[in-house]
PDB file of N, CA and C in Angstrom:
ATOM      1  N   UNK A   1     -18.339 -23.009   1.593  1.00  0.00           N
ATOM      2  CA  UNK A   1     -17.383 -22.745   0.538  1.00  0.00           C
ATOM      3  C   UNK A   1     -17.339 -21.249   0.204  1.00  0.00           C
ATOM      4  N   UNK A   2     -18.521 -20.616   0.228  1.00  0.00           N
ATOM      5  CA  UNK A   2     -18.533 -19.186  -0.091  1.00  0.00           C
ATOM      6  C   UNK A   2     -17.792 -18.370   0.954  1.00  0.00           C
ATOM      7  N   UNK A   3     -17.838 -18.787   2.196  1.00  0.00           N
ATOM      8  CA  UNK A   3     -17.149 -18.058   3.261  1.00  0.00           C
ATOM      9  C   UNK A   3     -15.637 -18.144   3.088  1.00  0.00           C
ATOM     10  N   UNK A   4     -15.158 -19.297   2.690  1.00  0.00           N
ATOM     11  CA  UNK A   4     -13.716 -19.462   2.474  1.00  0.00           C
ATOM     12  C   UNK A   4     -13.273 -18.591   1.307  1.00  0.00           C
ATOM     13  N   UNK A   5     -14.050 -18.564   0.239  1.00  0.00           N
ATOM     14  CA  UNK A   5     -13.717 -17.715  -0.905  1.00  0.00           C
ATOM     15  C   UNK A   5     -13.746 -16.239  -0.523  1.00  0.00           C
ATOM     16  N   UNK A   6     -14.710 -15.859   0.307  1.00  0.00           N
ATOM     17  CA  UNK A   6     -14.778 -14.473   0.768  1.00  0.00           C
ATOM     18  C   UNK A   6     -13.552 -14.116   1.602  1.00  0.00           C
ATOM     19  N   UNK A   7     -13.145 -15.018   2.476  1.00  0.00           N
ATOM     20  CA  UNK A   7     -11.965 -14.754   3.303  1.00  0.00           C
ATOM     21  C   UNK A   7     -10.716 -14.635   2.449  1.00  0.00           C
ATOM     22  N   UNK A   8     -10.547 -15.512   1.479  1.00  0.00           N
ATOM     23  CA  UNK A   8      -9.386 -15.449   0.591  1.00  0.00           C
ATOM     24  C   UNK A   8      -9.411 -14.161  -0.214  1.00  0.00           C
ATOM     25  N   UNK A   9     -10.588 -13.767  -0.669  1.00  0.00           N
ATOM     26  CA  UNK A   9     -10.721 -12.529  -1.416  1.00  0.00           C
ATOM     27  C   UNK A   9     -10.342 -11.318  -0.564  1.00  0.00           C
ATOM     28  N   UNK A  10     -10.807 -11.282   0.680  1.00  0.00           N
ATOM     29  CA  UNK A  10     -10.490 -10.153   1.556  1.00  0.00           C
ATOM     30  C   UNK A  10      -9.005 -10.081   1.881  1.00  0.00           C
ATOM     31  N   UNK A  11      -8.392 -11.237   2.079  1.00  0.00           N
ATOM     32  CA  UNK A  11      -6.956 -11.257   2.357  1.00  0.00           C
ATOM     33  C   UNK A  11      -6.171 -10.779   1.139  1.00  0.00           C
ATOM     34  N   UNK A  12      -6.550 -11.264  -0.049  1.00  0.00           N
ATOM     35  CA  UNK A  12      -5.876 -10.828  -1.271  1.00  0.00           C
ATOM     36  C   UNK A  12      -6.085  -9.336  -1.509  1.00  0.00           C
ATOM     37  N   UNK A  13      -7.269  -8.849  -1.216  1.00  0.00           N
ATOM     38  CA  UNK A  13      -7.548  -7.432  -1.371  1.00  0.00           C
ATOM     39  C   UNK A  13      -6.697  -6.591  -0.421  1.00  0.00           C
ATOM     40  N   UNK A  14      -6.489  -7.087   0.778  1.00  0.00           N
ATOM     41  CA  UNK A  14      -5.647  -6.378   1.738  1.00  0.00           C
ATOM     42  C   UNK A  14      -4.210  -6.277   1.283  1.00  0.00           C
ATOM     43  N   UNK A  15      -3.693  -7.356   0.713  1.00  0.00           N
ATOM     44  CA  UNK A  15      -2.318  -7.324   0.236  1.00  0.00           C
ATOM     45  C   UNK A  15      -2.188  -6.529  -1.064  1.00  0.00           C
ATOM     46  N   UNK A  16      -3.184  -6.582  -1.922  1.00  0.00           N
ATOM     47  CA  UNK A  16      -3.124  -5.846  -3.185  1.00  0.00           C
ATOM     48  C   UNK A  16      -3.302  -4.351  -2.960  1.00  0.00           C
ATOM     49  N   UNK A  17      -4.060  -3.975  -1.945  1.00  0.00           N
ATOM     50  CA  UNK A  17      -4.333  -2.567  -1.691  1.00  0.00           C
ATOM     51  C   UNK A  17      -3.275  -1.868  -0.854  1.00  0.00           C
ATOM     52  N   UNK A  18      -2.314  -2.576  -0.361  1.00  0.00           N
ATOM     53  CA  UNK A  18      -1.327  -1.997   0.547  1.00  0.00           C
ATOM     54  C   UNK A  18      -0.487  -0.879  -0.069  1.00  0.00           C
ATOM     55  N   UNK A  19       0.037  -0.986  -1.287  1.00  0.00           N
ATOM     56  CA  UNK A  19       0.880   0.103  -1.801  1.00  0.00           C
ATOM     57  C   UNK A  19       0.140   1.431  -1.950  1.00  0.00           C
ATOM     58  N   UNK A  20      -1.121   1.422  -2.376  1.00  0.00           N
ATOM     59  CA  UNK A  20      -1.847   2.677  -2.512  1.00  0.00           C
ATOM     60  C   UNK A  20      -2.108   3.289  -1.144  1.00  0.00           C
ATOM     61  N   UNK A  21      -2.461   2.480  -0.173  1.00  0.00           N
ATOM     62  CA  UNK A  21      -2.748   3.005   1.160  1.00  0.00           C
ATOM     63  C   UNK A  21      -1.485   3.581   1.803  1.00  0.00           C
ATOM     64  N   UNK A  22      -0.337   2.992   1.523  1.00  0.00           N
ATOM     65  CA  UNK A  22       0.917   3.487   2.085  1.00  0.00           C
ATOM     66  C   UNK A  22       1.218   4.881   1.563  1.00  0.00           C
ATOM     67  N   UNK A  23       0.896   5.136   0.290  1.00  0.00           N
ATOM     68  CA  UNK A  23       1.146   6.462  -0.270  1.00  0.00           C
ATOM     69  C   UNK A  23       0.241   7.503   0.372  1.00  0.00           C
ATOM     70  N   UNK A  24      -0.945   7.111   0.777  1.00  0.00           N
ATOM     71  CA  UNK A  24      -1.887   8.055   1.377  1.00  0.00           C
ATOM     72  C   UNK A  24      -1.501   8.353   2.822  1.00  0.00           C
ATOM     73  N   UNK A  25      -1.291   7.326   3.605  1.00  0.00           N
ATOM     74  CA  UNK A  25      -0.973   7.514   5.021  1.00  0.00           C
ATOM     75  C   UNK A  25      -0.060   6.369   5.464  1.00  0.00           C
ATOM     76  N   UNK A  26       1.178   6.660   5.834  1.00  0.00           N
ATOM     77  CA  UNK A  26       2.092   5.589   6.240  1.00  0.00           C
ATOM     78  C   UNK A  26       1.565   4.834   7.454  1.00  0.00           C
ATOM     79  N   UNK A  27       1.664   3.546   7.411  1.00  0.00           N
ATOM     80  CA  UNK A  27       1.221   2.717   8.524  1.00  0.00           C
ATOM     81  C   UNK A  27      -0.207   2.237   8.404  1.00  0.00           C
ATOM     82  N   UNK A  28      -1.034   2.931   7.648  1.00  0.00           N
ATOM     83  CA  UNK A  28      -2.431   2.520   7.488  1.00  0.00           C
ATOM     84  C   UNK A  28      -2.532   1.188   6.752  1.00  0.00           C
ATOM     85  N   UNK A  29      -1.624   0.939   5.826  1.00  0.00           N
ATOM     86  CA  UNK A  29      -1.650  -0.316   5.075  1.00  0.00           C
ATOM     87  C   UNK A  29      -1.429  -1.503   5.997  1.00  0.00           C
ATOM     88  N   UNK A  30      -0.578  -1.341   6.974  1.00  0.00           N
ATOM     89  CA  UNK A  30      -0.327  -2.417   7.938  1.00  0.00           C
ATOM     90  C   UNK A  30      -1.597  -2.680   8.735  1.00  0.00           C
ATOM     91  N   UNK A  31      -2.263  -1.626   9.151  1.00  0.00           N
ATOM     92  CA  UNK A  31      -3.514  -1.776   9.901  1.00  0.00           C
ATOM     93  C   UNK A  31      -4.577  -2.465   9.060  1.00  0.00           C
ATOM     94  N   UNK A  32      -4.725  -2.031   7.821  1.00  0.00           N
ATOM     95  CA  UNK A  32      -5.743  -2.611   6.973  1.00  0.00           C
ATOM     96  C   UNK A  32      -5.438  -4.074   6.660  1.00  0.00           C
ATOM     97  N   UNK A  33      -4.178  -4.391   6.444  1.00  0.00           N
ATOM     98  CA  UNK A  33      -3.813  -5.784   6.185  1.00  0.00           C
ATOM     99  C   UNK A  33      -4.126  -6.668   7.371  1.00  0.00           C
ATOM    100  N   UNK A  34      -3.781  -6.219   8.560  1.00  0.00           N
ATOM    101  CA  UNK A  34      -4.076  -6.981   9.771  1.00  0.00           C
ATOM    102  C   UNK A  34      -5.578  -7.140   9.964  1.00  0.00           C
ATOM    103  N   UNK A  35      -6.309  -6.059   9.789  1.00  0.00           N
ATOM    104  CA  UNK A  35      -7.751  -6.100  10.026  1.00  0.00           C
ATOM    105  C   UNK A  35      -8.481  -6.915   8.959  1.00  0.00           C
ATOM    106  N   UNK A  36      -7.966  -6.967   7.749  1.00  0.00           N
ATOM    107  CA  UNK A  36      -8.566  -7.809   6.713  1.00  0.00           C
ATOM    108  C   UNK A  36      -8.433  -9.272   7.103  1.00  0.00           C
ATOM    109  N   UNK A  37      -7.276  -9.651   7.630  1.00  0.00           N
ATOM    110  CA  UNK A  37      -7.088 -11.043   8.059  1.00  0.00           C
ATOM    111  C   UNK A  37      -8.023 -11.362   9.224  1.00  0.00           C
ATOM    112  N   UNK A  38      -8.107 -10.462  10.192  1.00  0.00           N
ATOM    113  CA  UNK A  38      -8.998 -10.688  11.334  1.00  0.00           C
ATOM    114  C   UNK A  38     -10.458 -10.709  10.878  1.00  0.00           C
ATOM    115  N   UNK A  39     -10.827  -9.783  10.019  1.00  0.00           N
ATOM    116  CA  UNK A  39     -12.198  -9.745   9.501  1.00  0.00           C
ATOM    117  C   UNK A  39     -12.538 -10.970   8.678  1.00  0.00           C
ATOM    118  N   UNK A  40     -11.586 -11.443   7.891  1.00  0.00           N
ATOM    119  CA  UNK A  40     -11.814 -12.667   7.116  1.00  0.00           C
ATOM    120  C   UNK A  40     -12.050 -13.860   8.014  1.00  0.00           C
ATOM    121  N   UNK A  41     -11.290 -13.951   9.085  1.00  0.00           N
ATOM    122  CA  UNK A  41     -11.508 -15.027  10.047  1.00  0.00           C
ATOM    123  C   UNK A  41     -12.874 -14.925  10.701  1.00  0.00           C
ATOM    124  N   UNK A  42     -13.303 -13.710  10.980  1.00  0.00           N
ATOM    125  CA  UNK A  42     -14.630 -13.510  11.568  1.00  0.00           C
ATOM    126  C   UNK A  42     -15.714 -13.962  10.600  1.00  0.00           C
ATOM    127  N   UNK A  43     -15.588 -13.588   9.325  1.00  0.00           N
ATOM    128  CA  UNK A  43     -16.584 -13.996   8.339  1.00  0.00           C
ATOM    129  C   UNK A  43     -16.648 -15.507   8.197  1.00  0.00           C
ATOM    130  N   UNK A  44     -15.510 -16.167   8.241  1.00  0.00           N
ATOM    131  CA  UNK A  44     -15.490 -17.612   8.041  1.00  0.00           C
ATOM    132  C   UNK A  44     -16.012 -18.350   9.266  1.00  0.00           C
ATOM    133  N   UNK A  45     -15.534 -17.983  10.446  1.00  0.00           N
ATOM    134  CA  UNK A  45     -15.822 -18.786  11.633  1.00  0.00           C
ATOM    135  C   UNK A  45     -16.945 -18.249  12.514  1.00  0.00           C
ATOM    136  N   UNK A  46     -17.040 -16.952  12.676  1.00  0.00           N
ATOM    137  CA  UNK A  46     -17.966 -16.411  13.669  1.00  0.00           C
ATOM    138  C   UNK A  46     -19.260 -15.839  13.100  1.00  0.00           C
ATOM    139  N   UNK A  47     -19.328 -15.576  11.796  1.00  0.00           N
ATOM    140  CA  UNK A  47     -20.532 -14.946  11.261  1.00  0.00           C
ATOM    141  C   UNK A  47     -21.745 -15.860  11.348  1.00  0.00           C
ATOM    142  N   UNK A  48     -21.541 -17.164  11.468  1.00  0.00           N
ATOM    143  CA  UNK A  48     -22.675 -18.070  11.652  1.00  0.00           C
ATOM    144  C   UNK A  48     -23.388 -17.781  12.970  1.00  0.00           C
ATOM    145  N   UNK A  49     -22.626 -17.438  13.999  1.00  0.00           N
ATOM    146  CA  UNK A  49     -23.185 -17.233  15.322  1.00  0.00           C
ATOM    147  C   UNK A  49     -23.522 -15.771  15.598  1.00  0.00           C
ATOM    148  N   UNK A  50     -22.691 -14.861  15.142  1.00  0.00           N
ATOM    149  CA  UNK A  50     -22.849 -13.449  15.480  1.00  0.00           C
ATOM    150  C   UNK A  50     -23.563 -12.657  14.397  1.00  0.00           C
ATOM    151  N   UNK A  51     -23.435 -13.058  13.161  1.00  0.00           N
ATOM    152  CA  UNK A  51     -24.020 -12.305  12.062  1.00  0.00           C
ATOM    153  C   UNK A  51     -22.967 -11.491  11.326  1.00  0.00           C
ATOM    154  N   UNK A  52     -23.249 -11.232  10.074  1.00  0.00           N
ATOM    155  CA  UNK A  52     -22.315 -10.508   9.214  1.00  0.00           C
ATOM    156  C   UNK A  52     -22.106  -9.066   9.665  1.00  0.00           C
ATOM    157  N   UNK A  53     -23.147  -8.465  10.231  1.00  0.00           N
ATOM    158  CA  UNK A  53     -23.055  -7.069  10.661  1.00  0.00           C
ATOM    159  C   UNK A  53     -22.017  -6.886  11.766  1.00  0.00           C
ATOM    160  N   UNK A  54     -21.924  -7.844  12.661  1.00  0.00           N
ATOM    161  CA  UNK A  54     -20.929  -7.767  13.748  1.00  0.00           C
ATOM    162  C   UNK A  54     -19.513  -7.821  13.186  1.00  0.00           C
ATOM    163  N   UNK A  55     -19.299  -8.657  12.156  1.00  0.00           N
ATOM    164  CA  UNK A  55     -17.970  -8.744  11.534  1.00  0.00           C
ATOM    165  C   UNK A  55     -17.631  -7.449  10.812  1.00  0.00           C
ATOM    166  N   UNK A  56     -18.632  -6.839  10.164  1.00  0.00           N
ATOM    167  CA  UNK A  56     -18.399  -5.551   9.505  1.00  0.00           C
ATOM    168  C   UNK A  56     -17.992  -4.485  10.516  1.00  0.00           C
ATOM    169  N   UNK A  57     -18.717  -4.409  11.621  1.00  0.00           N
ATOM    170  CA  UNK A  57     -18.391  -3.394  12.621  1.00  0.00           C
ATOM    171  C   UNK A  57     -17.063  -3.708  13.311  1.00  0.00           C
ATOM    172  N   UNK A  58     -16.733  -4.987  13.458  1.00  0.00           N
ATOM    173  CA  UNK A  58     -15.448  -5.347  14.058  1.00  0.00           C
ATOM    174  C   UNK A  58     -14.302  -4.901  13.151  1.00  0.00           C
ATOM    175  N   UNK A  59     -14.453  -5.072  11.836  1.00  0.00           N
ATOM    176  CA  UNK A  59     -13.410  -4.647  10.893  1.00  0.00           C
ATOM    177  C   UNK A  59     -13.222  -3.129  10.954  1.00  0.00           C
ATOM    178  N   UNK A  60     -14.325  -2.392  10.917  1.00  0.00           N
ATOM    179  CA  UNK A  60     -14.229  -0.925  10.960  1.00  0.00           C
ATOM    180  C   UNK A  60     -13.597  -0.447  12.264  1.00  0.00           C
ATOM    181  N   UNK A  61     -13.994  -1.054  13.368  1.00  0.00           N
ATOM    182  CA  UNK A  61     -13.412  -0.695  14.651  1.00  0.00           C
ATOM    183  C   UNK A  61     -11.938  -1.045  14.737  1.00  0.00           C
ATOM    184  N   UNK A  62     -11.563  -2.157  14.130  1.00  0.00           N
ATOM    185  CA  UNK A  62     -10.159  -2.578  14.122  1.00  0.00           C
ATOM    186  C   UNK A  62      -9.308  -1.555  13.377  1.00  0.00           C
ATOM    187  N   UNK A  63      -9.749  -1.137  12.202  1.00  0.00           N
ATOM    188  CA  UNK A  63      -8.986  -0.170  11.415  1.00  0.00           C
ATOM    189  C   UNK A  63      -8.903   1.168  12.138  1.00  0.00           C
ATOM    190  N   UNK A  64     -10.029   1.642  12.654  1.00  0.00           N
ATOM    191  CA  UNK A  64     -10.030   2.936  13.351  1.00  0.00           C
ATOM    192  C   UNK A  64      -9.147   2.905  14.589  1.00  0.00           C
ATOM    193  N   UNK A  65      -9.216   1.829  15.348  1.00  0.00           N
ATOM    194  CA  UNK A  65      -8.395   1.714  16.550  1.00  0.00           C
ATOM    195  C   UNK A  65      -6.917   1.618  16.241  1.00  0.00           C
ATOM    196  N   UNK A  66      -6.581   0.862  15.215  1.00  0.00           N
ATOM    197  CA  UNK A  66      -5.180   0.707  14.832  1.00  0.00           C
ATOM    198  C   UNK A  66      -4.603   2.030  14.337  1.00  0.00           C
ATOM    199  N   UNK A  67      -5.337   2.733  13.500  1.00  0.00           N
ATOM    200  CA  UNK A  67      -4.871   4.019  12.977  1.00  0.00           C
ATOM    201  C   UNK A  67      -4.758   5.034  14.115  1.00  0.00           C
ATOM    202  N   UNK A  68      -5.713   5.027  15.033  1.00  0.00           N
ATOM    203  CA  UNK A  68      -5.637   5.942  16.179  1.00  0.00           C
ATOM    204  C   UNK A  68      -4.408   5.639  17.029  1.00  0.00           C
ATOM    205  N   UNK A  69      -4.091   4.369  17.201  1.00  0.00           N
ATOM    206  CA  UNK A  69      -2.889   3.994  17.939  1.00  0.00           C
ATOM    207  C   UNK A  69      -1.624   4.455  17.251  1.00  0.00           C
ATOM    208  N   UNK A  70      -1.592   4.369  15.930  1.00  0.00           N
ATOM    209  CA  UNK A  70      -0.424   4.851  15.180  1.00  0.00           C
ATOM    210  C   UNK A  70      -0.262   6.359  15.313  1.00  0.00           C
ATOM    211  N   UNK A  71      -1.370   7.087  15.215  1.00  0.00           N
ATOM    212  CA  UNK A  71      -1.312   8.548  15.337  1.00  0.00           C
ATOM    213  C   UNK A  71      -0.839   8.935  16.739  1.00  0.00           C
ATOM    214  N   UNK A  72      -1.352   8.252  17.739  1.00  0.00           N
ATOM    215  CA  UNK A  72      -0.953   8.543  19.117  1.00  0.00           C
ATOM    216  C   UNK A  72       0.534   8.244  19.345  1.00  0.00           C
ATOM    217  N   UNK A  73       1.028   7.141  18.794  1.00  0.00           N
ATOM    218  CA  UNK A  73       2.436   6.824  18.985  1.00  0.00           C
ATOM    219  C   UNK A  73       3.338   7.820  18.250  1.00  0.00           C
ATOM    220  N   UNK A  74       2.886   8.328  17.098  1.00  0.00           N
ATOM    221  CA  UNK A  74       3.658   9.357  16.392  1.00  0.00           C
ATOM    222  C   UNK A  74       3.707  10.649  17.197  1.00  0.00           C
ATOM    223  N   UNK A  75       2.586  10.993  17.818  1.00  0.00           N
ATOM    224  CA  UNK A  75       2.528  12.235  18.595  1.00  0.00           C
ATOM    225  C   UNK A  75       3.412  12.137  19.826  1.00  0.00           C
ATOM    226  N   UNK A  76       3.532  10.964  20.416  1.00  0.00           N
ATOM    227  CA  UNK A  76       4.385  10.786  21.581  1.00  0.00           C
ATOM    228  C   UNK A  76       5.853  10.917  21.212  1.00  0.00           C
ATOM    229  N   UNK A  77       6.209  10.486  20.005  1.00  0.00           N
ATOM    230  CA  UNK A  77       7.607  10.582  19.556  1.00  0.00           C
ATOM    231  C   UNK A  77       8.008  12.023  19.280  1.00  0.00           C
ATOM    232  N   UNK A  78       7.054  12.851  18.872  1.00  0.00           N
ATOM    233  CA  UNK A  78       7.381  14.237  18.488  1.00  0.00           C
ATOM    234  C   UNK A  78       7.424  15.153  19.638  1.00  0.00           C
TER     235      UNK A  78
END
């Protein structure tokens, strides 16, 4: 039950935090929202087998990779 509540909390946090992140860096909010959903799924389903630390590092890697992809695509357009 706690894992489901944690996942719902992370998803809600991703959607609530989107407007502030958009003002800081366009596109980052989309990355964070996607990675919160993926990270929430990891906490609910996979943390029993892999551990919480793996889900934390997966979330951080997801955000960094997504933002790097956005920066690279912007540079290609310019």
